[in-house]
Each structure stands twice: as C-alpha cells, then as structure tokens.
C-alpha cells in the first residue's frame, strides 16, 4: 500500500509541470493577436501534449512492473537488435540537436531478460544521453559486445553526473537542480 501511495504522489508531482505548461501555452495562443505568435504557442501545446502522453506511458509502464517478479529464464531478447531499434527511434531527436547517434553492435547478442524491460532501459538511457548531450557536433554511441555475458554501453561526451549526485540515480523522478530539460 505504501508503494502505491508513493507512486501516486510521484505521478501527480510529475504531471503537474506539463499540465501547467500546456495551460500557459494555450493562454498565450488565446491572447495572441499575431498569427505567427498564435501558431508558435499552439505548436508548444502540441509538444506539451506529446510530452505529457510520453510521461503517462512511462508511468503506466512503471505501475505495471512488479518488483517481486524476476525475469523468467526462458525469456530472451536480442540486445543488438534492441539497440539498433532504440537508435532508430532517437535518430530524429539527435539530428535536431546537432548530435551524431551511432550503434556499434554485432549481428546478434542474446540476453536472458524480458524484452519490454530491456527496451525501456535502453530507451531511457539513450533519451537521457540525447537530452543532456554537450551540444552541436557531439557524439552518442551505443556499443554492444556479444559473448557469454553481452554488454551494452551508452557512450557520450556529455557533462556526466557529478559524484555527489550518483547516489540519487535510482530515485524515481529525480532530476538535478537547475536542469531545464523535461523528462
């Protein structure tokens, strides 16, 4: 019950910001006399809706995860294929930020894991790398190594996480102070 209460409080906190931003953009659109300003504000509303929908999807996925459930030994996923898929879905966002996103992976690298969880993990890591990258001309590389125990690394030349913040990485919805990025 405590887990559910905490999740509900966290979800409400996370949804408050995008909803407030949507309202502000809608108010700007309503008050705008200039068509270009109105269109800009409406684009902001659409982007805000997209961010809110993404957040709701993440919250629903998180709510469905049962921490007590271990992955079945017969569940497998191809880490290399998932890495390529995640890179493809983030390619446009990387291009828009002037970043180079690449994948170095073998044809296949099978791991014992629930495929949906692996997808979520890699998607979140690559999404963070794209959002917090150092800027134009920088590179983000997804490296997959096959073998008895396949390994995946997300390599970038971003600012990194200060040592004093690393202990908080596992906290739900934690975001560093002064971070302007959503998500």
C-alpha atoms as a PDB file:
ATOM      1  CA  UNK A   1       0.000   0.000   0.000  1.00  0.00           C
ATOM      2  CA  UNK A   2       2.884   2.362   0.817  1.00  0.00           C
ATOM      3  CA  UNK A   3       4.408   1.616  -2.589  1.00  0.00           C
ATOM      4  CA  UNK A   4       1.124   2.570  -4.310  1.00  0.00           C
ATOM      5  CA  UNK A   5       0.768   5.768  -2.258  1.00  0.00           C
ATOM      6  CA  UNK A   6       4.303   6.849  -3.100  1.00  0.00           C
ATOM      7  CA  UNK A   7       3.789   6.067  -6.781  1.00  0.00           C
ATOM      8  CA  UNK A   8       0.560   8.105  -6.872  1.00  0.00           C
ATOM      9  CA  UNK A   9       2.243  11.075  -5.184  1.00  0.00           C
ATOM     10  CA  UNK A  10       5.204  10.896  -7.577  1.00  0.00           C
ATOM     11  CA  UNK A  11       2.914  10.654 -10.604  1.00  0.00           C
ATOM     12  CA  UNK A  12       0.844  13.642  -9.507  1.00  0.00           C
ATOM     13  CA  UNK A  13       4.005  15.665  -8.957  1.00  0.00           C
ATOM     14  CA  UNK A  14       5.405  14.781 -12.389  1.00  0.00           C
ATOM     15  CA  UNK A  15       2.150  15.543 -14.229  1.00  0.00           C
ATOM     16  CA  UNK A  16       1.696  18.968 -12.627  1.00  0.00           C
ATOM     17  CA  UNK A  17       4.513  20.622 -14.612  1.00  0.00           C
ATOM     18  CA  UNK A  18       3.466  19.559 -18.149  1.00  0.00           C
ATOM     19  CA  UNK A  19      -0.175  20.406 -17.429  1.00  0.00           C
ATOM     20  CA  UNK A  20       0.810  23.892 -16.182  1.00  0.00           C
ATOM     21  CA  UNK A  21       2.981  24.404 -19.288  1.00  0.00           C
ATOM     22  CA  UNK A  22       0.100  23.341 -21.557  1.00  0.00           C
ATOM     23  CA  UNK A  23      -2.217  25.808 -19.879  1.00  0.00           C
ATOM     24  CA  UNK A  24       0.301  28.643 -20.224  1.00  0.00           C
ATOM     25  CA  UNK A  25       0.815  27.907 -23.942  1.00  0.00           C
ATOM     26  CA  UNK A  26      -2.951  27.760 -24.521  1.00  0.00           C
ATOM     27  CA  UNK A  27      -3.389  31.119 -22.751  1.00  0.00           C
ATOM     28  CA  UNK A  28      -0.669  32.654 -24.951  1.00  0.00           C
ATOM     29  CA  UNK A  29      -2.431  31.298 -28.052  1.00  0.00           C
ATOM     30  CA  UNK A  30      -5.776  32.722 -26.941  1.00  0.00           C
ATOM     31  CA  UNK A  31      -4.303  36.145 -26.213  1.00  0.00           C
ATOM     32  CA  UNK A  32      -2.124  36.361 -29.344  1.00  0.00           C
ATOM     33  CA  UNK A  33      -3.091  38.966 -31.937  1.00  0.00           C
ATOM     34  CA  UNK A  34      -0.300  37.906 -34.273  1.00  0.00           C
ATOM     35  CA  UNK A  35      -0.931  34.720 -36.292  1.00  0.00           C
ATOM     36  CA  UNK A  36       2.752  33.679 -36.120  1.00  0.00           C
ATOM     37  CA  UNK A  37       2.737  34.028 -32.329  1.00  0.00           C
ATOM     38  CA  UNK A  38      -0.501  32.049 -32.086  1.00  0.00           C
ATOM     39  CA  UNK A  39       0.884  29.242 -34.280  1.00  0.00           C
ATOM     40  CA  UNK A  40       4.086  29.144 -32.200  1.00  0.00           C
ATOM     41  CA  UNK A  41       2.045  28.838 -28.982  1.00  0.00           C
ATOM     42  CA  UNK A  42      -0.152  26.120 -30.496  1.00  0.00           C
ATOM     43  CA  UNK A  43       2.945  24.171 -31.548  1.00  0.00           C
ATOM     44  CA  UNK A  44       4.015  24.432 -27.909  1.00  0.00           C
ATOM     45  CA  UNK A  45       0.644  22.994 -26.858  1.00  0.00           C
ATOM     46  CA  UNK A  46       1.120  20.039 -29.222  1.00  0.00           C
ATOM     47  CA  UNK A  47       4.668  19.441 -27.956  1.00  0.00           C
ATOM     48  CA  UNK A  48       3.389  19.631 -24.385  1.00  0.00           C
ATOM     49  CA  UNK A  49       0.672  17.082 -25.176  1.00  0.00           C
ATOM     50  CA  UNK A  50       3.314  14.795 -26.648  1.00  0.00           C
ATOM     51  CA  UNK A  51       5.496  15.148 -23.526  1.00  0.00           C
ATOM     52  CA  UNK A  52       2.520  14.505 -21.230  1.00  0.00           C
ATOM     53  CA  UNK A  53       1.485  11.434 -23.258  1.00  0.00           C
ATOM     54  CA  UNK A  54       5.060  10.108 -23.098  1.00  0.00           C
ATOM     55  CA  UNK A  55       5.162  10.672 -19.343  1.00  0.00           C
ATOM     56  CA  UNK A  56       1.811   8.945 -18.853  1.00  0.00           C
ATOM     57  CA  UNK A  57       3.064   5.979 -20.892  1.00  0.00           C
ATOM     58  CA  UNK A  58       6.158   5.758 -18.706  1.00  0.00           C
ATOM     59  CA  UNK A  59       4.050   5.975 -15.544  1.00  0.00           C
ATOM     60  CA  UNK A  60       1.730   3.223 -16.752  1.00  0.00           C
ATOM     61  CA  UNK A  61       4.691   1.006 -17.596  1.00  0.00           C
ATOM     62  CA  UNK A  62       6.212   1.669 -14.194  1.00  0.00           C
ATOM     63  CA  UNK A  63       2.912   0.857 -12.478  1.00  0.00           C
ATOM     64  CA  UNK A  64       2.695  -2.485 -14.332  1.00  0.00           C
ATOM     65  CA  UNK A  65       6.169  -3.589 -13.266  1.00  0.00           C
ATOM     66  CA  UNK A  66       6.160  -5.975 -10.355  1.00  0.00           C
ATOM     67  CA  UNK A  67       9.441  -5.604  -8.467  1.00  0.00           C
ATOM     68  CA  UNK A  68       8.992  -9.045  -6.898  1.00  0.00           C
ATOM     69  CA  UNK A  69       8.752 -10.741 -10.308  1.00  0.00           C
ATOM     70  CA  UNK A  70      12.060 -11.995 -11.653  1.00  0.00           C
ATOM     71  CA  UNK A  71      12.647 -12.497 -15.358  1.00  0.00           C
ATOM     72  CA  UNK A  72      11.831 -15.988 -16.486  1.00  0.00           C
ATOM     73  CA  UNK A  73      14.964 -17.879 -17.592  1.00  0.00           C
ATOM     74  CA  UNK A  74      13.300 -18.687 -20.918  1.00  0.00           C
ATOM     75  CA  UNK A  75      12.670 -15.012 -21.760  1.00  0.00           C
ATOM     76  CA  UNK A  76      15.344 -13.651 -24.063  1.00  0.00           C
ATOM     77  CA  UNK A  77      15.933 -10.573 -26.152  1.00  0.00           C
ATOM     78  CA  UNK A  78      18.440  -9.611 -28.808  1.00  0.00           C
ATOM     79  CA  UNK A  79      20.386  -6.770 -27.219  1.00  0.00           C
ATOM     80  CA  UNK A  80      21.944  -5.761 -30.546  1.00  0.00           C
ATOM     81  CA  UNK A  81      18.561  -5.573 -32.302  1.00  0.00           C
ATOM     82  CA  UNK A  82      17.028  -3.578 -29.434  1.00  0.00           C
ATOM     83  CA  UNK A  83      19.994  -1.177 -29.521  1.00  0.00           C
ATOM     84  CA  UNK A  84      19.520  -0.596 -33.258  1.00  0.00           C
ATOM     85  CA  UNK A  85      15.769  -0.094 -32.779  1.00  0.00           C
ATOM     86  CA  UNK A  86      16.279   2.416 -29.955  1.00  0.00           C
ATOM     87  CA  UNK A  87      18.851   4.315 -32.026  1.00  0.00           C
ATOM     88  CA  UNK A  88      16.406   4.499 -34.935  1.00  0.00           C
ATOM     89  CA  UNK A  89      13.654   5.917 -32.719  1.00  0.00           C
ATOM     90  CA  UNK A  90      16.006   8.591 -31.310  1.00  0.00           C
ATOM     91  CA  UNK A  91      17.758   9.497 -34.574  1.00  0.00           C
ATOM     92  CA  UNK A  92      15.497  12.468 -35.366  1.00  0.00           C
ATOM     93  CA  UNK A  93      15.827  13.982 -31.885  1.00  0.00           C
ATOM     94  CA  UNK A  94      19.616  13.611 -32.094  1.00  0.00           C
ATOM     95  CA  UNK A  95      19.704  15.272 -35.527  1.00  0.00           C
ATOM     96  CA  UNK A  96      17.573  18.169 -34.290  1.00  0.00           C
ATOM     97  CA  UNK A  97      20.122  18.781 -31.529  1.00  0.00           C
ATOM     98  CA  UNK A  98      23.076  18.518 -33.907  1.00  0.00           C
ATOM     99  CA  UNK A  99      24.268  15.231 -32.411  1.00  0.00           C
ATOM    100  CA  UNK A 100      25.666  12.134 -34.066  1.00  0.00           C
ATOM    101  CA  UNK A 101      23.991   8.933 -32.838  1.00  0.00           C
ATOM    102  CA  UNK A 102      25.562   5.629 -33.852  1.00  0.00           C
ATOM    103  CA  UNK A 103      25.433   1.937 -32.973  1.00  0.00           C
ATOM    104  CA  UNK A 104      28.366  -0.446 -32.836  1.00  0.00           C
ATOM    105  CA  UNK A 105      26.907  -3.922 -32.428  1.00  0.00           C
ATOM    106  CA  UNK A 106      27.305  -7.464 -33.690  1.00  0.00           C
ATOM    107  CA  UNK A 107      24.554  -9.063 -35.741  1.00  0.00           C
ATOM    108  CA  UNK A 108      23.078 -10.560 -32.573  1.00  0.00           C
ATOM    109  CA  UNK A 109      23.654 -10.603 -28.805  1.00  0.00           C
ATOM    110  CA  UNK A 110      21.069 -12.687 -26.946  1.00  0.00           C
ATOM    111  CA  UNK A 111      20.435 -11.913 -23.269  1.00  0.00           C
ATOM    112  CA  UNK A 112      18.105 -13.505 -20.697  1.00  0.00           C
ATOM    113  CA  UNK A 113      15.704 -10.650 -19.988  1.00  0.00           C
ATOM    114  CA  UNK A 114      12.113  -9.638 -20.594  1.00  0.00           C
ATOM    115  CA  UNK A 115      12.263  -7.828 -23.975  1.00  0.00           C
ATOM    116  CA  UNK A 116       9.953  -4.976 -22.907  1.00  0.00           C
ATOM    117  CA  UNK A 117      12.121  -4.177 -19.884  1.00  0.00           C
ATOM    118  CA  UNK A 118      15.286  -4.142 -21.989  1.00  0.00           C
ATOM    119  CA  UNK A 119      13.601  -1.775 -24.462  1.00  0.00           C
ATOM    120  CA  UNK A 120      12.560   0.578 -21.635  1.00  0.00           C
ATOM    121  CA  UNK A 121      16.042   0.546 -20.114  1.00  0.00           C
ATOM    122  CA  UNK A 122      17.870   1.345 -23.352  1.00  0.00           C
ATOM    123  CA  UNK A 123      15.260   3.887 -24.440  1.00  0.00           C
ATOM    124  CA  UNK A 124      15.633   5.789 -21.159  1.00  0.00           C
ATOM    125  CA  UNK A 125      19.437   5.735 -21.282  1.00  0.00           C
ATOM    126  CA  UNK A 126      19.609   6.936 -24.895  1.00  0.00           C
ATOM    127  CA  UNK A 127      16.865   9.508 -24.305  1.00  0.00           C
ATOM    128  CA  UNK A 128      18.872  10.941 -21.398  1.00  0.00           C
ATOM    129  CA  UNK A 129      22.067  10.975 -23.455  1.00  0.00           C
ATOM    130  CA  UNK A 130      20.301  12.905 -26.250  1.00  0.00           C
ATOM    131  CA  UNK A 131      18.597  15.333 -23.850  1.00  0.00           C
ATOM    132  CA  UNK A 132      21.680  16.143 -21.823  1.00  0.00           C
ATOM    133  CA  UNK A 133      24.370  15.942 -24.527  1.00  0.00           C
ATOM    134  CA  UNK A 134      27.030  18.641 -24.583  1.00  0.00           C
ATOM    135  CA  UNK A 135      25.700  20.161 -27.813  1.00  0.00           C
ATOM    136  CA  UNK A 136      26.327  20.552 -31.524  1.00  0.00           C
ATOM    137  CA  UNK A 137      28.778  18.168 -33.081  1.00  0.00           C
ATOM    138  CA  UNK A 138      28.919  15.798 -30.137  1.00  0.00           C
ATOM    139  CA  UNK A 139      28.562  12.045 -30.426  1.00  0.00           C
ATOM    140  CA  UNK A 140      26.467   9.426 -28.678  1.00  0.00           C
ATOM    141  CA  UNK A 141      27.425   5.819 -29.335  1.00  0.00           C
ATOM    142  CA  UNK A 142      25.538   2.677 -28.347  1.00  0.00           C
ATOM    143  CA  UNK A 143      28.110  -0.104 -28.041  1.00  0.00           C
ATOM    144  CA  UNK A 144      27.071  -3.748 -27.772  1.00  0.00           C
ATOM    145  CA  UNK A 145      29.579  -6.552 -27.210  1.00  0.00           C
ATOM    146  CA  UNK A 146      28.478 -10.166 -27.613  1.00  0.00           C
ATOM    147  CA  UNK A 147      29.830 -13.154 -25.718  1.00  0.00           C
ATOM    148  CA  UNK A 148      28.822 -15.277 -22.750  1.00  0.00           C
ATOM    149  CA  UNK A 149      27.615 -12.131 -20.999  1.00  0.00           C
ATOM    150  CA  UNK A 150      26.727  -9.468 -23.586  1.00  0.00           C
ATOM    151  CA  UNK A 151      27.356  -5.892 -22.540  1.00  0.00           C
ATOM    152  CA  UNK A 152      25.821  -2.617 -23.675  1.00  0.00           C
ATOM    153  CA  UNK A 153      27.305   0.822 -23.048  1.00  0.00           C
ATOM    154  CA  UNK A 154      25.949   4.244 -23.911  1.00  0.00           C
ATOM    155  CA  UNK A 155      28.990   6.397 -24.565  1.00  0.00           C
ATOM    156  CA  UNK A 156      28.780  10.159 -24.917  1.00  0.00           C
ATOM    157  CA  UNK A 157      30.886  13.224 -24.329  1.00  0.00           C
ATOM    158  CA  UNK A 158      28.275  14.976 -22.198  1.00  0.00           C
ATOM    159  CA  UNK A 159      28.921  16.624 -18.854  1.00  0.00           C
ATOM    160  CA  UNK A 160      28.348  13.431 -16.880  1.00  0.00           C
ATOM    161  CA  UNK A 161      26.846  13.154 -13.429  1.00  0.00           C
ATOM    162  CA  UNK A 162      28.727  14.721 -10.521  1.00  0.00           C
ATOM    163  CA  UNK A 163      29.834  12.180  -7.883  1.00  0.00           C
ATOM    164  CA  UNK A 164      27.581  13.729  -5.228  1.00  0.00           C
ATOM    165  CA  UNK A 165      24.510  13.108  -7.464  1.00  0.00           C
ATOM    166  CA  UNK A 166      25.240   9.470  -8.341  1.00  0.00           C
ATOM    167  CA  UNK A 167      23.721   8.050  -5.161  1.00  0.00           C
ATOM    168  CA  UNK A 168      20.351   9.509  -6.194  1.00  0.00           C
ATOM    169  CA  UNK A 169      20.260   7.872  -9.654  1.00  0.00           C
ATOM    170  CA  UNK A 170      17.861   5.167  -8.531  1.00  0.00           C
ATOM    171  CA  UNK A 171      15.313   7.600  -7.114  1.00  0.00           C
ATOM    172  CA  UNK A 172      12.097   7.877  -9.066  1.00  0.00           C
ATOM    173  CA  UNK A 173      11.713  11.132 -10.997  1.00  0.00           C
ATOM    174  CA  UNK A 174      14.903  12.615  -9.541  1.00  0.00           C
ATOM    175  CA  UNK A 175      16.252  15.482 -11.624  1.00  0.00           C
ATOM    176  CA  UNK A 176      19.308  17.574 -10.802  1.00  0.00           C
ATOM    177  CA  UNK A 177      18.678  21.078  -9.508  1.00  0.00           C
ATOM    178  CA  UNK A 178      18.861  23.665 -12.265  1.00  0.00           C
ATOM    179  CA  UNK A 179      18.026  21.169 -15.010  1.00  0.00           C
ATOM    180  CA  UNK A 180      15.736  22.771 -17.576  1.00  0.00           C
ATOM    181  CA  UNK A 181      15.081  19.576 -19.556  1.00  0.00           C
ATOM    182  CA  UNK A 182      11.775  17.771 -19.126  1.00  0.00           C
ATOM    183  CA  UNK A 183      11.691  14.001 -18.751  1.00  0.00           C
END
